[in-house]
Amino acid sequence: MFVIFGAAGNVGKVTATVLRKAGQDVRAVVRSEKQGGPLAALGCEVRVADLHDTQAVARAIEGTYGVQIVCPVPRGDDDPAAAMRAMIDSSVAALRDAPPPRVLALSDYGAEHARGTGITTLFHYLETRLQTVDTQLTFLRAAEHMHNWGRTLPNMLASGVLHSLHQPLDKLFPTVAARDVGLLAAELLLDATPPQVSPRVVSIESDQRVNALDVARTIGELTDRRIVAREAPHEEWAAMLQAAGLGERHARLIIELCDAHNAGLIDVDSALSERRFGTTTLAEELAAILPRVTAATAAAAAAAAGDAR
């Protein structure tokens, strides 16, 4: 039995699907019953659990062979760093009390840094705490997820401008599709070969790095309109992020992360990491998310028009 936490997410649902197709028993852990329907249809056993609840996590991992753990940054929390650390502590406590033979943690590029990298320092905390668990441990560090561009697409399409926090505009950075992360996670969970080192660190990114100019050009080509990339002034970053719905502390974590990216601090830890490459291109990923974004934008516009009447 494999347990997939966050099984309704972009990575987790791919891992769960691959494991089921391989004939494996899967316990899919989600935050609400509503999220469990599609996973139950795959043949997964569905459990609802909050990662802040040590006992719920303990029940979810009971009697299992392998666990895929993800601790997402709590987007709506006033203090997302404290909330995520509490989530990590609760999950690790359950894993330490009854360690399964294998644990794979979804982590981030730059997780080797203890400070100065914003959100990524939380993944450093996750990795550090998991090393107290007596298990065969794998850290799957992923580059920036391509689908994150979906959050800024509505504004981009409305204004014709990509206000980039990646600077300078021609600086290449690693990125990856969530699907490719999920596929690799399943492969690693199914790999019965004893690791030569513990923890095993594996990195994944697309086989082609991109820059902000590439992103703007790709979106323009897919939507048949002109999208211009511009460097967002640093003094405007906080206001931009808060206007997008992030709290002040969350915005500060993003700003520190972007500063570290732009300074070249976020990359593959070549000293420790096995390198893998996803096959999904940026154009393929953006083409997949554009219909959802445009449909959501149209629905929001229609609702706003209805409210105005």
Protein backbone atom coordinates (compact mmCIF):
# COMPACT_ATOMS: atom_id res chain seq x y z
CA MET A 1 0.00 0.00 0.00
CA PHE A 2 1.24 3.45 -0.97
CA VAL A 3 -0.08 6.60 0.70
CA ILE A 4 -0.22 9.79 -1.34
CA PHE A 5 -0.78 12.96 0.66
CA GLY A 6 -2.16 15.82 -1.42
CA ALA A 7 -3.51 13.24 -3.87
CA ALA A 8 -5.96 15.74 -5.38
CA GLY A 9 -3.13 18.11 -6.29
CA ASN A 10 -1.39 18.54 -9.61
CA VAL A 11 1.48 16.22 -8.66
CA GLY A 12 -0.28 13.83 -6.30
CA LYS A 13 -3.08 12.83 -8.68
CA VAL A 14 -0.52 11.89 -11.35
CA THR A 15 1.45 9.76 -8.88
CA ALA A 16 -1.72 8.05 -7.65
CA THR A 17 -2.87 7.35 -11.22
CA VAL A 18 0.46 5.82 -12.25
CA LEU A 19 0.63 3.64 -9.15
CA ARG A 20 -2.91 2.36 -9.71
CA LYS A 21 -2.13 1.58 -13.35
CA ALA A 22 0.86 -0.39 -12.08
CA GLY A 23 -1.51 -2.50 -9.98
CA GLN A 24 -0.54 -0.97 -6.64
CA ASP A 25 -2.90 -0.34 -3.74
CA VAL A 26 -3.12 3.40 -3.10
CA ARG A 27 -4.52 5.32 -0.16
CA ALA A 28 -5.24 8.83 -1.40
CA VAL A 29 -5.23 11.46 1.36
CA VAL A 30 -7.19 14.63 0.64
CA ARG A 31 -8.47 17.62 2.59
CA SER A 32 -12.18 17.12 1.88
CA GLU A 33 -14.60 14.39 0.79
CA LYS A 34 -15.38 16.40 -2.35
CA GLN A 35 -11.82 15.96 -3.59
CA GLY A 36 -11.96 12.20 -3.21
CA GLY A 37 -14.47 11.30 -5.94
CA PRO A 38 -12.10 11.10 -8.94
CA LEU A 39 -9.52 9.24 -6.85
CA ALA A 40 -12.08 6.71 -5.68
CA ALA A 41 -13.00 6.19 -9.34
CA LEU A 42 -9.36 5.19 -9.94
CA GLY A 43 -9.71 2.52 -7.27
CA CYS A 44 -7.93 4.43 -4.53
CA GLU A 45 -8.89 4.13 -0.90
CA VAL A 46 -9.71 7.72 0.06
CA ARG A 47 -8.95 9.24 3.45
CA VAL A 48 -9.59 12.79 4.64
CA ALA A 49 -6.86 14.19 6.88
CA ASP A 50 -5.42 17.51 7.98
CA LEU A 51 -1.63 17.54 8.08
CA HIS A 52 -1.81 19.63 11.25
CA ASP A 53 -3.46 16.64 12.97
CA THR A 54 -0.77 14.16 14.03
CA GLN A 55 -3.30 11.44 14.87
CA ALA A 56 -5.03 11.79 11.50
CA VAL A 57 -1.68 11.48 9.72
CA ALA A 58 -0.82 8.45 11.86
CA ARG A 59 -4.08 6.74 10.88
CA ALA A 60 -3.47 7.53 7.22
CA ILE A 61 0.00 5.92 7.15
CA GLU A 62 -0.90 2.87 9.23
CA GLY A 63 0.12 -0.40 7.61
CA THR A 64 1.68 1.15 4.52
CA TYR A 65 4.85 0.46 2.55
CA GLY A 66 5.55 3.85 1.00
CA VAL A 67 4.44 7.43 1.65
CA GLN A 68 4.56 10.48 -0.59
CA ILE A 69 4.41 13.59 1.56
CA VAL A 70 3.81 17.16 0.50
CA CYS A 71 3.45 20.16 2.80
CA PRO A 72 2.02 23.04 0.77
CA VAL A 73 2.56 26.66 1.74
CA PRO A 74 -0.76 27.71 3.36
CA ARG A 75 -1.78 30.49 0.98
CA GLY A 76 -4.57 31.93 3.11
CA ASP A 77 -2.79 31.94 6.46
CA ASP A 78 -1.65 35.21 8.07
CA ASP A 79 1.68 33.60 8.93
CA PRO A 80 2.23 30.93 6.24
CA ALA A 81 5.77 30.09 7.39
CA ALA A 82 4.67 29.29 10.95
CA ALA A 83 1.65 27.36 9.70
CA MET A 84 3.76 25.27 7.32
CA ARG A 85 6.36 24.52 9.98
CA ALA A 86 3.56 23.36 12.31
CA MET A 87 2.21 21.14 9.52
CA ILE A 88 5.67 19.66 9.00
CA ASP A 89 6.16 19.03 12.72
CA SER A 90 2.81 17.22 13.01
CA SER A 91 3.46 15.06 9.96
CA VAL A 92 7.01 14.17 11.00
CA ALA A 93 5.85 13.24 14.50
CA ALA A 94 3.45 10.68 13.03
CA LEU A 95 6.08 9.32 10.64
CA ARG A 96 8.68 9.06 13.40
CA ASP A 97 6.33 7.11 15.70
CA ALA A 98 5.50 4.52 13.03
CA PRO A 99 7.92 4.91 10.12
CA PRO A 100 6.93 3.22 6.86
CA PRO A 101 9.77 1.56 4.93
CA ARG A 102 9.90 4.35 2.33
CA VAL A 103 9.11 8.07 2.36
CA LEU A 104 9.32 10.40 -0.64
CA ALA A 105 9.05 14.11 0.09
CA LEU A 106 8.15 16.64 -2.60
CA SER A 107 10.68 19.41 -2.12
CA ASP A 108 12.09 22.40 -3.98
CA TYR A 109 15.18 23.59 -5.82
CA GLY A 110 17.36 25.43 -3.31
CA ALA A 111 16.21 23.38 -0.30
CA GLU A 112 19.85 22.92 0.70
CA HIS A 113 19.88 26.56 1.89
CA ALA A 114 18.89 27.17 5.51
CA ARG A 115 18.21 30.89 5.10
CA GLY A 116 17.91 33.75 2.65
CA THR A 117 15.65 32.04 0.10
CA GLY A 118 12.13 32.84 1.29
CA ILE A 119 9.65 30.03 0.80
CA THR A 120 12.42 27.59 -0.07
CA THR A 121 13.75 27.74 3.50
CA LEU A 122 10.53 25.97 4.52
CA PHE A 123 11.46 23.04 2.31
CA HIS A 124 14.88 23.03 3.96
CA TYR A 125 13.02 22.72 7.26
CA LEU A 126 10.91 19.87 5.83
CA GLU A 127 13.99 17.96 4.69
CA THR A 128 15.83 18.55 7.96
CA ARG A 129 12.93 17.35 10.09
CA LEU A 130 12.32 14.27 7.91
CA GLN A 131 15.89 13.15 8.47
CA THR A 132 14.86 12.28 12.03
CA VAL A 133 12.59 9.52 10.65
CA ASP A 134 14.06 6.01 10.48
CA THR A 135 13.16 5.21 6.87
CA GLN A 136 14.48 5.00 3.32
CA LEU A 137 14.16 8.66 2.43
CA THR A 138 14.01 10.40 -0.95
CA PHE A 139 13.81 14.15 -1.54
CA LEU A 140 12.36 14.99 -4.95
CA ARG A 141 13.36 18.59 -5.57
CA ALA A 142 11.41 20.25 -8.38
CA ALA A 143 12.10 23.44 -10.26
CA GLU A 144 9.46 26.19 -10.48
CA HIS A 145 6.17 24.68 -11.65
CA MET A 146 5.01 25.87 -15.06
CA HIS A 147 1.35 26.01 -14.02
CA ASN A 148 2.17 28.86 -11.60
CA TRP A 149 1.97 31.19 -14.61
CA GLY A 150 -1.76 30.53 -14.58
CA ARG A 151 -2.12 32.86 -11.60
CA THR A 152 -0.94 35.86 -13.61
CA LEU A 153 -2.44 34.91 -16.97
CA PRO A 154 -5.73 36.85 -16.55
CA ASN A 155 -3.89 40.11 -15.87
CA MET A 156 -1.39 39.34 -18.61
CA LEU A 157 -4.13 38.76 -21.20
CA ALA A 158 -6.04 41.85 -20.11
CA SER A 159 -3.05 44.20 -20.13
CA GLY A 160 -0.80 42.63 -22.75
CA VAL A 161 2.09 42.87 -20.28
CA LEU A 162 3.99 40.22 -18.34
CA HIS A 163 5.21 42.06 -15.25
CA SER A 164 8.22 39.89 -14.47
CA LEU A 165 9.83 39.26 -11.11
CA HIS A 166 12.39 37.14 -12.94
CA GLN A 167 15.12 39.66 -13.73
CA PRO A 168 16.87 40.41 -15.99
CA LEU A 169 14.33 39.39 -18.59
CA ASP A 170 16.80 37.28 -20.53
CA LYS A 171 18.01 35.32 -17.48
CA LEU A 172 17.30 31.62 -17.95
CA PHE A 173 15.66 29.73 -15.09
CA PRO A 174 14.60 26.11 -14.57
CA THR A 175 10.95 25.15 -14.69
CA VAL A 176 8.96 21.90 -14.84
CA ALA A 177 5.46 20.56 -15.42
CA ALA A 178 3.67 19.08 -12.40
CA ARG A 179 2.80 16.03 -14.50
CA ASP A 180 6.47 15.22 -14.98
CA VAL A 181 7.09 15.56 -11.24
CA GLY A 182 4.24 13.15 -10.52
CA LEU A 183 5.52 10.63 -13.06
CA LEU A 184 9.01 10.69 -11.58
CA ALA A 185 7.65 10.42 -8.03
CA ALA A 186 5.79 7.25 -8.97
CA GLU A 187 8.91 5.84 -10.63
CA LEU A 188 10.98 6.51 -7.52
CA LEU A 189 8.39 4.98 -5.21
CA LEU A 190 8.28 1.83 -7.34
CA ASP A 191 12.07 1.55 -7.57
CA ALA A 192 13.02 -1.36 -5.32
CA THR A 193 16.78 -0.83 -5.74
CA PRO A 194 18.37 0.02 -2.38
CA PRO A 195 19.71 3.60 -2.51
CA GLN A 196 23.45 4.13 -2.30
CA VAL A 197 22.95 7.15 -0.03
CA SER A 198 20.26 8.30 2.37
CA PRO A 199 18.57 10.60 1.96
CA ARG A 200 18.48 10.20 -1.81
CA VAL A 201 18.18 13.60 -3.51
CA VAL A 202 16.71 13.75 -7.01
CA SER A 203 16.10 16.95 -8.97
CA ILE A 204 13.76 17.47 -11.92
CA GLU A 205 13.32 20.28 -14.42
CA SER A 206 12.32 20.57 -18.05
CA ASP A 207 15.06 19.75 -20.53
CA GLN A 208 15.02 23.38 -21.72
CA ARG A 209 15.39 26.41 -19.45
CA VAL A 210 13.41 29.55 -20.27
CA ASN A 211 13.37 33.26 -19.49
CA ALA A 212 10.61 35.84 -19.08
CA LEU A 213 10.88 36.79 -22.75
CA ASP A 214 10.24 33.16 -23.72
CA VAL A 215 7.17 33.01 -21.48
CA ALA A 216 5.70 36.22 -22.95
CA ARG A 217 6.38 35.07 -26.51
CA THR A 218 4.85 31.64 -25.90
CA ILE A 219 1.68 33.06 -24.38
CA GLY A 220 1.42 35.53 -27.26
CA GLU A 221 1.73 32.74 -29.81
CA LEU A 222 -0.87 30.59 -28.05
CA THR A 223 -3.40 33.44 -27.74
CA ASP A 224 -2.61 35.22 -31.01
CA ARG A 225 -1.94 38.51 -29.29
CA ARG A 226 1.07 40.61 -28.37
CA ILE A 227 2.42 40.07 -24.86
CA VAL A 228 5.34 42.23 -23.75
CA ALA A 229 7.64 41.25 -20.89
CA ARG A 230 8.69 44.07 -18.58
CA GLU A 231 10.73 44.07 -15.40
CA ALA A 232 8.46 44.94 -12.49
CA PRO A 233 10.11 47.63 -10.32
CA HIS A 234 11.28 46.01 -7.10
CA GLU A 235 9.55 48.62 -4.95
CA GLU A 236 6.21 47.57 -6.49
CA TRP A 237 6.55 43.84 -5.89
CA ALA A 238 4.86 43.78 -2.48
CA ALA A 239 1.83 45.71 -3.72
CA MET A 240 1.57 43.50 -6.82
CA LEU A 241 1.63 40.30 -4.80
CA GLN A 242 -0.84 41.56 -2.22
CA ALA A 243 -3.17 42.72 -5.01
CA ALA A 244 -3.02 39.13 -6.28
CA GLY A 245 -4.42 37.94 -2.96
CA LEU A 246 -1.31 37.13 -0.92
CA GLY A 247 -0.92 38.32 2.64
CA GLU A 248 1.94 40.61 3.65
CA ARG A 249 4.09 37.83 5.14
CA HIS A 250 3.48 35.52 2.19
CA ALA A 251 4.46 38.33 -0.18
CA ARG A 252 7.72 38.83 1.74
CA LEU A 253 8.53 35.12 1.34
CA ILE A 254 7.97 35.36 -2.42
CA ILE A 255 10.09 38.51 -2.71
CA GLU A 256 12.98 36.92 -0.83
CA LEU A 257 12.71 33.84 -3.05
CA CYS A 258 12.72 35.92 -6.25
CA ASP A 259 15.71 37.92 -5.03
CA ALA A 260 17.56 34.65 -4.42
CA HIS A 261 16.55 33.36 -7.87
CA ASN A 262 17.75 36.53 -9.55
CA ALA A 263 21.03 36.34 -7.65
CA GLY A 264 21.58 32.81 -8.97
CA LEU A 265 21.21 31.08 -5.60
CA ILE A 266 18.33 28.78 -6.56
CA ASP A 267 19.50 25.95 -8.78
CA VAL A 268 20.39 22.28 -8.78
CA ASP A 269 22.49 21.13 -5.84
CA SER A 270 24.98 19.44 -8.15
CA ALA A 271 27.01 18.04 -5.27
CA LEU A 272 24.16 15.86 -3.99
CA SER A 273 21.42 15.58 -6.55
CA GLU A 274 20.66 13.03 -9.25
CA ARG A 275 19.38 15.01 -12.22
CA ARG A 276 16.25 14.09 -14.19
CA PHE A 277 14.47 15.99 -16.94
CA GLY A 278 10.78 16.27 -17.76
CA THR A 279 9.54 16.06 -21.34
CA THR A 280 6.65 18.53 -21.16
CA THR A 281 7.44 21.86 -22.82
CA LEU A 282 6.36 25.26 -21.57
CA ALA A 283 4.14 25.67 -24.65
CA GLU A 284 2.40 22.34 -23.98
CA GLU A 285 1.74 23.19 -20.33
CA LEU A 286 0.48 26.70 -21.06
CA ALA A 287 -1.74 25.40 -23.85
CA ALA A 288 -3.30 22.99 -21.35
CA ILE A 289 -4.02 25.61 -18.69
CA LEU A 290 -5.17 28.47 -20.96
CA PRO A 291 -8.70 27.10 -21.54
CA ARG A 292 -9.24 26.76 -17.77
CA VAL A 293 -7.95 30.26 -17.12
CA THR A 294 -10.02 31.90 -19.86
CA ALA A 295 -13.14 30.00 -18.79
CA ALA A 296 -12.66 31.08 -15.17
CA THR A 297 -12.06 34.68 -16.26
CA ALA A 298 -15.20 34.68 -18.40
CA ALA A 299 -17.25 33.22 -15.54
CA ALA A 300 -15.97 35.85 -13.14
CA ALA A 301 -16.76 38.62 -15.63
CA ALA A 302 -20.29 37.28 -16.14
CA ALA A 303 -20.85 37.08 -12.39
CA ALA A 304 -19.62 40.64 -11.95
CA ALA A 305 -21.94 41.85 -14.72
CA GLY A 306 -24.83 40.05 -13.04
CA ASP A 307 -24.08 41.70 -9.72
CA ALA A 308 -23.98 45.09 -11.40
CA ARG A 309 -27.48 44.72 -12.84
